Amino acid sequence: MAGRRPGGGAGIEIRFSVRREAAWARIRQSRFGDRVGITGPGGRTQRATVADEFDAEGHRFPPMAPAHGPSALRRSLQRLAASAARTACVRRVT
C-alpha cells in the first residue's frame, strides 16, 4: 500500500485490509534492534522488534491495528545505531 525507505536502507510498508478493517506495517532490510510500529486511529501503537539476524533476513510485522481506512495510520521505525547493533549481537551470542 504505502512505503518509505528511511536512511540506512530499511523500508517500511503499511498494508491495509478492507475486509478485516485492520492494518499492519512491515519492515525489510532491517538489522538487529530495529523496531517497527503502526499506530491506528485510537492511538494504540503495535510494535515488533528485530530480535536477531534471522529476523533481519526477512520481513518483521507487528500485530494488526484496527483501522477503517489508511488515512489515520502512522508508521514508525526506531533504528539501533550500527555500532550498538554490532555490540548487542556479540553480547547476545555469548
Protein backbone atom coordinates (compact mmCIF):
# COMPACT_ATOMS: atom_id res chain seq x y z
CA MET A 1 0.00 0.00 0.00
CA ALA A 2 2.35 2.76 1.19
CA GLY A 3 6.04 2.60 1.78
CA ARG A 4 9.12 4.65 2.53
CA ARG A 5 12.79 3.95 2.87
CA PRO A 6 14.46 5.95 5.64
CA GLY A 7 18.24 6.29 5.92
CA GLY A 8 20.18 3.09 6.34
CA GLY A 9 18.27 1.12 3.70
CA ALA A 10 15.37 -0.18 5.81
CA GLY A 11 11.94 0.06 4.25
CA ILE A 12 8.56 0.29 5.96
CA GLU A 13 5.30 -0.61 4.26
CA ILE A 14 1.77 -0.24 5.55
CA ARG A 15 -0.69 -2.92 4.49
CA PHE A 16 -4.44 -2.43 4.88
CA SER A 17 -7.25 -4.99 4.66
CA VAL A 18 -10.72 -3.63 3.89
CA ARG A 19 -12.29 -6.97 4.80
CA ARG A 20 -10.58 -7.14 8.21
CA GLU A 21 -10.68 -3.38 8.84
CA ALA A 22 -7.11 -3.66 10.06
CA ALA A 23 -3.66 -2.55 9.03
CA TRP A 24 -0.14 -3.72 9.71
CA ALA A 25 3.35 -2.49 8.98
CA ARG A 26 6.30 -4.48 7.76
CA ILE A 27 9.97 -3.68 7.74
CA ARG A 28 12.53 -5.02 5.29
CA GLN A 29 16.32 -4.69 5.13
CA SER A 30 16.37 -4.31 8.87
CA ARG A 31 19.07 -5.03 11.40
CA PHE A 32 19.24 -6.33 14.95
CA GLY A 33 17.47 -4.00 17.39
CA ASP A 34 15.29 -2.14 14.86
CA ARG A 35 11.71 -1.52 15.99
CA VAL A 36 8.79 -1.05 13.61
CA GLY A 37 5.43 0.26 14.73
CA ILE A 38 2.00 1.12 13.44
CA THR A 39 -0.48 3.40 15.19
CA GLY A 40 -4.18 3.27 14.38
CA PRO A 41 -6.88 5.92 14.81
CA GLY A 42 -7.35 5.11 18.51
CA GLY A 43 -3.72 5.99 19.22
CA ARG A 44 -2.65 2.48 20.25
CA THR A 45 0.72 1.51 18.76
CA GLN A 46 1.58 -2.05 17.80
CA ARG A 47 5.34 -2.77 17.68
CA ALA A 48 7.75 -5.51 16.66
CA THR A 49 11.48 -5.70 17.29
CA VAL A 50 14.11 -7.36 15.12
CA ALA A 51 15.40 -9.85 17.68
CA ASP A 52 18.30 -11.45 15.80
CA GLU A 53 19.99 -11.89 12.43
CA PHE A 54 17.29 -14.34 11.32
CA ASP A 55 14.57 -11.70 11.84
CA ALA A 56 16.72 -9.25 9.86
CA GLU A 57 16.87 -11.59 6.84
CA GLY A 58 13.11 -11.42 6.22
CA HIS A 59 10.20 -9.13 6.97
CA ARG A 60 9.14 -8.27 10.51
CA PHE A 61 5.48 -7.49 11.31
CA PRO A 62 3.89 -6.01 14.45
CA PRO A 63 0.35 -7.18 15.33
CA MET A 64 -2.50 -5.69 13.31
CA ALA A 65 -4.01 -2.35 14.30
CA PRO A 66 -7.76 -1.71 13.90
CA ALA A 67 -8.46 0.82 11.14
CA HIS A 68 -11.36 1.84 8.90
CA GLY A 69 -9.04 3.24 6.25
CA PRO A 70 -5.41 4.09 5.64
CA SER A 71 -5.65 7.86 6.18
CA ALA A 72 -5.34 7.87 10.00
CA LEU A 73 -2.46 5.37 10.20
CA ARG A 74 1.07 6.27 11.28
CA ARG A 75 4.16 4.14 10.92
CA SER A 76 7.41 4.40 12.81
CA LEU A 77 10.91 2.99 12.68
CA GLN A 78 13.40 3.19 15.51
CA ARG A 79 16.90 2.15 14.44
CA LEU A 80 19.61 0.96 16.76
CA ALA A 81 22.93 2.60 15.90
CA ALA A 82 25.10 0.31 13.77
CA SER A 83 27.88 0.25 16.39
CA ALA A 84 25.37 -0.64 19.13
CA ALA A 85 23.87 -3.34 16.92
CA ARG A 86 27.26 -5.00 16.47
CA THR A 87 27.90 -4.88 20.22
CA ALA A 88 24.41 -6.15 21.02
CA CYS A 89 24.80 -9.06 18.60
CA VAL A 90 28.07 -10.08 20.19
CA ARG A 91 26.53 -9.90 23.67
CA ARG A 92 23.53 -11.87 22.53
CA VAL A 93 25.57 -14.71 21.06
CA THR A 94 27.67 -15.21 24.20
